[in-house]
């Protein structure tokens, strides 16, 4: 499904690893109980210990959204390259059919960067038919360029921003905590917010102690986690 994220990998026993490093100056850093310790670190902003564990997520989205993600520079990325491959062929079977059926939302009334409710279905279908024509033409031109011997790096210039892409995003748990804290908020574009929240759900399943402490925190920069009930 477009605008989704799945866990690639996570540091084994990540919460225990974080707690052990937080206790580096103690005689027994491997004590079993660490919930209070991690909650204390979050409450008092001792974020460096959360850099001792990392994770990576596979993200399926579009070329319109991936630049928003790439602006988060504390992460390391690998993205599908249109210089090497046709994205529709590479991502075949990953629920990218009808990718031209982009969300069509009204412009936000109070925030020029945001959007509101969806257009009525009948109106979306009118525009989707028009976009489908554009989609067919752009892919035909793209394929014709390739058939004529034009390089992929040049041919890709005719592809629209809703072209699907896959990227892998890796970083420390500290970085993911603050990424979800920011991009899980309602003022983030819906498609990007869906990705951030998918990452948040994954981390909640694998790092329940950390995420529970985040939820109890009153830190405003972490309010993007409020979607978790």
C-alpha atoms as a PDB file:
ATOM      1  CA  UNK A   1       0.000   0.000   0.000  1.00  0.00           C
ATOM      2  CA  UNK A   2       1.336   3.435  -0.881  1.00  0.00           C
ATOM      3  CA  UNK A   3       2.445   5.636   2.017  1.00  0.00           C
ATOM      4  CA  UNK A   4       3.271   2.732   4.301  1.00  0.00           C
ATOM      5  CA  UNK A   5       6.259   1.625   6.370  1.00  0.00           C
ATOM      6  CA  UNK A   6       7.423  -1.797   7.491  1.00  0.00           C
ATOM      7  CA  UNK A   7      10.233  -2.669   9.873  1.00  0.00           C
ATOM      8  CA  UNK A   8      13.434  -3.851   8.175  1.00  0.00           C
ATOM      9  CA  UNK A   9      15.410  -4.526  11.319  1.00  0.00           C
ATOM     10  CA  UNK A  10      15.826  -3.383  14.899  1.00  0.00           C
ATOM     11  CA  UNK A  11      18.733  -3.723  17.323  1.00  0.00           C
ATOM     12  CA  UNK A  12      18.079  -6.986  19.211  1.00  0.00           C
ATOM     13  CA  UNK A  13      16.802  -6.382  22.765  1.00  0.00           C
ATOM     14  CA  UNK A  14      16.915  -2.686  21.988  1.00  0.00           C
ATOM     15  CA  UNK A  15      15.380  -1.511  25.253  1.00  0.00           C
ATOM     16  CA  UNK A  16      17.826  -3.585  27.309  1.00  0.00           C
ATOM     17  CA  UNK A  17      20.707  -2.267  25.223  1.00  0.00           C
ATOM     18  CA  UNK A  18      19.605   1.328  25.836  1.00  0.00           C
ATOM     19  CA  UNK A  19      19.206   0.691  29.570  1.00  0.00           C
ATOM     20  CA  UNK A  20      22.618  -0.992  29.819  1.00  0.00           C
ATOM     21  CA  UNK A  21      24.296   2.007  28.240  1.00  0.00           C
ATOM     22  CA  UNK A  22      22.363   4.358  30.494  1.00  0.00           C
ATOM     23  CA  UNK A  23      23.862   2.457  33.455  1.00  0.00           C
ATOM     24  CA  UNK A  24      27.399   2.463  32.097  1.00  0.00           C
ATOM     25  CA  UNK A  25      28.672   4.061  35.310  1.00  0.00           C
ATOM     26  CA  UNK A  26      27.079   1.488  37.642  1.00  0.00           C
ATOM     27  CA  UNK A  27      28.355  -1.841  38.935  1.00  0.00           C
ATOM     28  CA  UNK A  28      25.411  -3.811  37.523  1.00  0.00           C
ATOM     29  CA  UNK A  29      24.327  -2.295  34.191  1.00  0.00           C
ATOM     30  CA  UNK A  30      22.411  -5.430  33.152  1.00  0.00           C
ATOM     31  CA  UNK A  31      19.655  -5.287  35.753  1.00  0.00           C
ATOM     32  CA  UNK A  32      16.339  -6.610  34.464  1.00  0.00           C
ATOM     33  CA  UNK A  33      14.172  -3.676  35.554  1.00  0.00           C
ATOM     34  CA  UNK A  34      14.569  -0.601  33.360  1.00  0.00           C
ATOM     35  CA  UNK A  35      11.123   0.931  32.845  1.00  0.00           C
ATOM     36  CA  UNK A  36      11.653   3.647  35.466  1.00  0.00           C
ATOM     37  CA  UNK A  37      15.135   4.363  34.149  1.00  0.00           C
ATOM     38  CA  UNK A  38      14.011   4.898  30.547  1.00  0.00           C
ATOM     39  CA  UNK A  39      11.056   6.995  31.694  1.00  0.00           C
ATOM     40  CA  UNK A  40      13.449   9.147  33.737  1.00  0.00           C
ATOM     41  CA  UNK A  41      15.740   9.620  30.739  1.00  0.00           C
ATOM     42  CA  UNK A  42      12.856  10.738  28.533  1.00  0.00           C
ATOM     43  CA  UNK A  43      11.370  13.020  31.172  1.00  0.00           C
ATOM     44  CA  UNK A  44      14.686  14.780  31.789  1.00  0.00           C
ATOM     45  CA  UNK A  45      15.866  14.881  28.174  1.00  0.00           C
ATOM     46  CA  UNK A  46      18.756  12.442  28.463  1.00  0.00           C
ATOM     47  CA  UNK A  47      18.422  11.543  24.794  1.00  0.00           C
ATOM     48  CA  UNK A  48      21.947  10.336  24.065  1.00  0.00           C
ATOM     49  CA  UNK A  49      21.274   6.877  25.545  1.00  0.00           C
ATOM     50  CA  UNK A  50      18.604   6.325  22.860  1.00  0.00           C
ATOM     51  CA  UNK A  51      21.341   6.586  20.251  1.00  0.00           C
ATOM     52  CA  UNK A  52      22.698   3.210  21.400  1.00  0.00           C
ATOM     53  CA  UNK A  53      20.018   1.287  19.479  1.00  0.00           C
ATOM     54  CA  UNK A  54      18.870   1.702  15.897  1.00  0.00           C
ATOM     55  CA  UNK A  55      16.220   0.598  13.415  1.00  0.00           C
ATOM     56  CA  UNK A  56      15.507   0.631   9.701  1.00  0.00           C
ATOM     57  CA  UNK A  57      12.179   0.888   7.897  1.00  0.00           C
ATOM     58  CA  UNK A  58      11.163   0.116   4.322  1.00  0.00           C
ATOM     59  CA  UNK A  59       8.867   2.879   3.096  1.00  0.00           C
ATOM     60  CA  UNK A  60       6.591   2.730   0.064  1.00  0.00           C
ATOM     61  CA  UNK A  61       5.469   6.163  -1.076  1.00  0.00           C
ATOM     62  CA  UNK A  62       5.655   8.556  -4.040  1.00  0.00           C
ATOM     63  CA  UNK A  63       8.182  10.989  -5.410  1.00  0.00           C
ATOM     64  CA  UNK A  64       6.011  13.801  -4.029  1.00  0.00           C
ATOM     65  CA  UNK A  65       6.455  12.599  -0.449  1.00  0.00           C
ATOM     66  CA  UNK A  66       9.967  11.122  -0.392  1.00  0.00           C
ATOM     67  CA  UNK A  67      11.679  14.567  -0.460  1.00  0.00           C
ATOM     68  CA  UNK A  68       9.776  15.495   2.703  1.00  0.00           C
ATOM     69  CA  UNK A  69      11.202  12.421   4.424  1.00  0.00           C
ATOM     70  CA  UNK A  70      14.720  12.976   3.090  1.00  0.00           C
ATOM     71  CA  UNK A  71      14.846  16.384   4.761  1.00  0.00           C
ATOM     72  CA  UNK A  72      15.226  14.595   8.106  1.00  0.00           C
ATOM     73  CA  UNK A  73      19.000  14.542   7.975  1.00  0.00           C
ATOM     74  CA  UNK A  74      19.738  12.521  11.102  1.00  0.00           C
ATOM     75  CA  UNK A  75      18.760   9.395   9.143  1.00  0.00           C
ATOM     76  CA  UNK A  76      20.538   7.420   6.441  1.00  0.00           C
ATOM     77  CA  UNK A  77      18.618   6.554   3.277  1.00  0.00           C
ATOM     78  CA  UNK A  78      18.657   4.332   0.238  1.00  0.00           C
ATOM     79  CA  UNK A  79      15.982   5.055  -2.377  1.00  0.00           C
ATOM     80  CA  UNK A  80      14.936   3.235  -5.515  1.00  0.00           C
ATOM     81  CA  UNK A  81      16.869   4.787  -8.386  1.00  0.00           C
ATOM     82  CA  UNK A  82      15.037   5.699 -11.559  1.00  0.00           C
ATOM     83  CA  UNK A  83      18.455   5.830 -13.234  1.00  0.00           C
ATOM     84  CA  UNK A  84      18.568   2.023 -13.066  1.00  0.00           C
ATOM     85  CA  UNK A  85      15.025   0.766 -13.132  1.00  0.00           C
ATOM     86  CA  UNK A  86      11.433   1.333 -14.195  1.00  0.00           C
ATOM     87  CA  UNK A  87       9.631   1.910 -10.872  1.00  0.00           C
ATOM     88  CA  UNK A  88       6.410   0.212 -12.002  1.00  0.00           C
ATOM     89  CA  UNK A  89       8.320  -2.928 -12.972  1.00  0.00           C
ATOM     90  CA  UNK A  90      10.463  -2.983  -9.830  1.00  0.00           C
ATOM     91  CA  UNK A  91       7.536  -2.385  -7.479  1.00  0.00           C
ATOM     92  CA  UNK A  92       5.110  -4.676  -9.286  1.00  0.00           C
ATOM     93  CA  UNK A  93       2.937  -6.537  -6.784  1.00  0.00           C
ATOM     94  CA  UNK A  94       3.356  -3.938  -4.024  1.00  0.00           C
ATOM     95  CA  UNK A  95      -0.152  -2.452  -4.302  1.00  0.00           C
ATOM     96  CA  UNK A  96       0.770   0.475  -6.507  1.00  0.00           C
ATOM     97  CA  UNK A  97      -1.999  -0.087  -9.023  1.00  0.00           C
ATOM     98  CA  UNK A  98      -3.929   3.056  -9.891  1.00  0.00           C
ATOM     99  CA  UNK A  99      -1.239   5.195  -8.284  1.00  0.00           C
ATOM    100  CA  UNK A 100      -2.620   8.076 -10.320  1.00  0.00           C
ATOM    101  CA  UNK A 101      -5.664   8.088  -7.994  1.00  0.00           C
ATOM    102  CA  UNK A 102      -4.027  10.574  -5.683  1.00  0.00           C
ATOM    103  CA  UNK A 103      -5.954  12.089  -2.802  1.00  0.00           C
ATOM    104  CA  UNK A 104      -7.770  15.243  -3.897  1.00  0.00           C
ATOM    105  CA  UNK A 105      -8.441  17.390  -0.847  1.00  0.00           C
ATOM    106  CA  UNK A 106      -9.688  20.959  -0.555  1.00  0.00           C
ATOM    107  CA  UNK A 107      -7.147  23.647   0.267  1.00  0.00           C
ATOM    108  CA  UNK A 108      -6.909  24.292   4.016  1.00  0.00           C
ATOM    109  CA  UNK A 109      -8.788  27.382   5.150  1.00  0.00           C
ATOM    110  CA  UNK A 110      -6.366  28.503   7.862  1.00  0.00           C
ATOM    111  CA  UNK A 111      -3.065  26.974   6.734  1.00  0.00           C
ATOM    112  CA  UNK A 112      -1.918  27.553   3.172  1.00  0.00           C
ATOM    113  CA  UNK A 113       0.406  24.541   3.480  1.00  0.00           C
ATOM    114  CA  UNK A 114      -2.389  22.196   4.537  1.00  0.00           C
ATOM    115  CA  UNK A 115      -5.512  20.613   3.124  1.00  0.00           C
ATOM    116  CA  UNK A 116      -8.985  19.786   4.320  1.00  0.00           C
ATOM    117  CA  UNK A 117     -11.707  17.319   3.427  1.00  0.00           C
ATOM    118  CA  UNK A 118     -11.717  15.192   0.301  1.00  0.00           C
ATOM    119  CA  UNK A 119     -13.495  16.500  -2.763  1.00  0.00           C
ATOM    120  CA  UNK A 120     -16.840  14.780  -3.369  1.00  0.00           C
ATOM    121  CA  UNK A 121     -16.389  11.371  -4.955  1.00  0.00           C
ATOM    122  CA  UNK A 122     -18.057  12.326  -8.247  1.00  0.00           C
ATOM    123  CA  UNK A 123     -15.621  15.230  -8.635  1.00  0.00           C
ATOM    124  CA  UNK A 124     -12.612  13.106  -7.709  1.00  0.00           C
ATOM    125  CA  UNK A 125     -13.628  10.599 -10.369  1.00  0.00           C
ATOM    126  CA  UNK A 126     -13.807  13.373 -12.973  1.00  0.00           C
ATOM    127  CA  UNK A 127     -10.272  14.477 -12.155  1.00  0.00           C
ATOM    128  CA  UNK A 128      -8.960  10.914 -11.822  1.00  0.00           C
ATOM    129  CA  UNK A 129     -10.127  10.253 -15.388  1.00  0.00           C
ATOM    130  CA  UNK A 130      -8.149  13.275 -16.543  1.00  0.00           C
ATOM    131  CA  UNK A 131      -5.096  12.254 -14.502  1.00  0.00           C
ATOM    132  CA  UNK A 132      -5.345   8.722 -15.907  1.00  0.00           C
ATOM    133  CA  UNK A 133      -5.032  10.152 -19.412  1.00  0.00           C
ATOM    134  CA  UNK A 134      -1.983  12.113 -18.337  1.00  0.00           C
ATOM    135  CA  UNK A 135      -0.586   8.999 -16.639  1.00  0.00           C
ATOM    136  CA  UNK A 136      -0.981   6.916 -19.774  1.00  0.00           C
ATOM    137  CA  UNK A 137       0.663   9.562 -21.917  1.00  0.00           C
ATOM    138  CA  UNK A 138       3.609  10.101 -19.556  1.00  0.00           C
ATOM    139  CA  UNK A 139       4.332   6.361 -19.357  1.00  0.00           C
ATOM    140  CA  UNK A 140       4.026   6.021 -23.146  1.00  0.00           C
ATOM    141  CA  UNK A 141       6.485   8.881 -23.671  1.00  0.00           C
ATOM    142  CA  UNK A 142       8.794   7.378 -21.035  1.00  0.00           C
ATOM    143  CA  UNK A 143       8.777   3.980 -22.728  1.00  0.00           C
ATOM    144  CA  UNK A 144       9.204   5.548 -26.173  1.00  0.00           C
ATOM    145  CA  UNK A 145      12.234   7.462 -24.932  1.00  0.00           C
ATOM    146  CA  UNK A 146      13.776   4.273 -23.577  1.00  0.00           C
ATOM    147  CA  UNK A 147      13.031   2.429 -26.823  1.00  0.00           C
ATOM    148  CA  UNK A 148      14.793   5.202 -28.721  1.00  0.00           C
ATOM    149  CA  UNK A 149      17.897   4.663 -26.625  1.00  0.00           C
ATOM    150  CA  UNK A 150      17.484   7.635 -24.301  1.00  0.00           C
ATOM    151  CA  UNK A 151      19.021   6.981 -20.886  1.00  0.00           C
ATOM    152  CA  UNK A 152      16.783   6.294 -17.882  1.00  0.00           C
ATOM    153  CA  UNK A 153      18.269   9.276 -16.057  1.00  0.00           C
ATOM    154  CA  UNK A 154      16.978  11.545 -18.822  1.00  0.00           C
ATOM    155  CA  UNK A 155      13.744   9.694 -19.568  1.00  0.00           C
ATOM    156  CA  UNK A 156      12.582   9.899 -15.944  1.00  0.00           C
ATOM    157  CA  UNK A 157      12.099  13.648 -16.337  1.00  0.00           C
ATOM    158  CA  UNK A 158       8.681  13.038 -17.897  1.00  0.00           C
ATOM    159  CA  UNK A 159       7.376  10.998 -14.939  1.00  0.00           C
ATOM    160  CA  UNK A 160       4.879  12.643 -12.566  1.00  0.00           C
ATOM    161  CA  UNK A 161       5.360  13.253  -8.845  1.00  0.00           C
ATOM    162  CA  UNK A 162       2.924  10.458  -7.963  1.00  0.00           C
ATOM    163  CA  UNK A 163       5.389   7.943  -9.415  1.00  0.00           C
ATOM    164  CA  UNK A 164       5.840   5.251  -6.735  1.00  0.00           C
ATOM    165  CA  UNK A 165       9.147   4.803  -4.968  1.00  0.00           C
ATOM    166  CA  UNK A 166      10.641   2.723  -2.201  1.00  0.00           C
ATOM    167  CA  UNK A 167      13.228   3.903   0.284  1.00  0.00           C
ATOM    168  CA  UNK A 168      14.939   2.461   3.328  1.00  0.00           C
ATOM    169  CA  UNK A 169      15.310   4.802   6.290  1.00  0.00           C
ATOM    170  CA  UNK A 170      17.689   3.889   9.096  1.00  0.00           C
ATOM    171  CA  UNK A 171      18.613   5.778  12.218  1.00  0.00           C
ATOM    172  CA  UNK A 172      18.879   5.707  15.969  1.00  0.00           C
ATOM    173  CA  UNK A 173      15.894   5.227  18.225  1.00  0.00           C
ATOM    174  CA  UNK A 174      16.437   8.800  19.375  1.00  0.00           C
ATOM    175  CA  UNK A 175      15.944  10.028  15.821  1.00  0.00           C
ATOM    176  CA  UNK A 176      12.812   7.936  15.322  1.00  0.00           C
ATOM    177  CA  UNK A 177      11.325   9.146  18.605  1.00  0.00           C
ATOM    178  CA  UNK A 178      11.584  12.749  17.490  1.00  0.00           C
ATOM    179  CA  UNK A 179      10.621  12.019  13.884  1.00  0.00           C
ATOM    180  CA  UNK A 180       7.309  10.471  14.929  1.00  0.00           C
ATOM    181  CA  UNK A 181       6.907  13.197  17.555  1.00  0.00           C
ATOM    182  CA  UNK A 182       6.984  15.777  14.769  1.00  0.00           C
ATOM    183  CA  UNK A 183       5.543  14.040  11.719  1.00  0.00           C
ATOM    184  CA  UNK A 184       2.782  12.225  13.583  1.00  0.00           C
ATOM    185  CA  UNK A 185       1.080  15.571  14.210  1.00  0.00           C
ATOM    186  CA  UNK A 186      -2.044  16.690  12.410  1.00  0.00           C
ATOM    187  CA  UNK A 187      -0.266  19.573  10.681  1.00  0.00           C
ATOM    188  CA  UNK A 188       1.912  17.156   8.680  1.00  0.00           C
ATOM    189  CA  UNK A 189       0.684  16.283   5.183  1.00  0.00           C
ATOM    190  CA  UNK A 190      -1.646  13.287   5.434  1.00  0.00           C
ATOM    191  CA  UNK A 191       0.465  10.936   3.307  1.00  0.00           C
ATOM    192  CA  UNK A 192       3.621  11.708   5.274  1.00  0.00           C
ATOM    193  CA  UNK A 193       1.703  11.427   8.533  1.00  0.00           C
ATOM    194  CA  UNK A 194       0.526   7.946   7.564  1.00  0.00           C
ATOM    195  CA  UNK A 195       4.143   6.857   7.163  1.00  0.00           C
ATOM    196  CA  UNK A 196       5.261   8.397  10.451  1.00  0.00           C
ATOM    197  CA  UNK A 197       2.395   6.775  12.306  1.00  0.00           C
ATOM    198  CA  UNK A 198       3.085   3.390  10.710  1.00  0.00           C
ATOM    199  CA  UNK A 199       6.623   3.692  12.077  1.00  0.00           C
ATOM    200  CA  UNK A 200       5.173   4.670  15.442  1.00  0.00           C
ATOM    201  CA  UNK A 201       2.906   1.622  15.544  1.00  0.00           C
ATOM    202  CA  UNK A 202       5.853  -0.634  14.713  1.00  0.00           C
ATOM    203  CA  UNK A 203       8.009   0.878  17.439  1.00  0.00           C
ATOM    204  CA  UNK A 204       5.170   0.616  19.955  1.00  0.00           C
ATOM    205  CA  UNK A 205       5.028  -3.134  19.284  1.00  0.00           C
ATOM    206  CA  UNK A 206       8.773  -3.640  19.669  1.00  0.00           C
ATOM    207  CA  UNK A 207       9.654  -0.953  22.236  1.00  0.00           C
ATOM    208  CA  UNK A 208       6.618  -0.900  24.544  1.00  0.00           C
ATOM    209  CA  UNK A 209       8.505   0.486  27.556  1.00  0.00           C
ATOM    210  CA  UNK A 210      10.021   3.349  25.584  1.00  0.00           C
ATOM    211  CA  UNK A 211       6.769   4.272  23.867  1.00  0.00           C
ATOM    212  CA  UNK A 212       4.792   4.078  27.125  1.00  0.00           C
ATOM    213  CA  UNK A 213       7.247   6.555  28.639  1.00  0.00           C
ATOM    214  CA  UNK A 214       6.897   8.827  25.613  1.00  0.00           C
ATOM    215  CA  UNK A 215       3.124   8.761  26.016  1.00  0.00           C
ATOM    216  CA  UNK A 216       3.432   9.808  29.657  1.00  0.00           C
ATOM    217  CA  UNK A 217       5.781  12.632  28.802  1.00  0.00           C
ATOM    218  CA  UNK A 218       4.432  16.170  28.610  1.00  0.00           C
ATOM    219  CA  UNK A 219       7.130  17.207  26.148  1.00  0.00           C
ATOM    220  CA  UNK A 220       5.415  19.165  23.367  1.00  0.00           C
ATOM    221  CA  UNK A 221       7.928  18.008  20.756  1.00  0.00           C
ATOM    222  CA  UNK A 222       6.642  14.454  21.283  1.00  0.00           C
ATOM    223  CA  UNK A 223       2.955  15.242  20.829  1.00  0.00           C
ATOM    224  CA  UNK A 224       2.955  13.493  17.457  1.00  0.00           C
ATOM    225  CA  UNK A 225       2.754  10.236  19.426  1.00  0.00           C
ATOM    226  CA  UNK A 226      -0.705  11.160  20.719  1.00  0.00           C
ATOM    227  CA  UNK A 227      -2.357   9.104  17.961  1.00  0.00           C
ATOM    228  CA  UNK A 228      -1.515   6.007  20.009  1.00  0.00           C
ATOM    229  CA  UNK A 229      -4.290   5.298  22.476  1.00  0.00           C
END
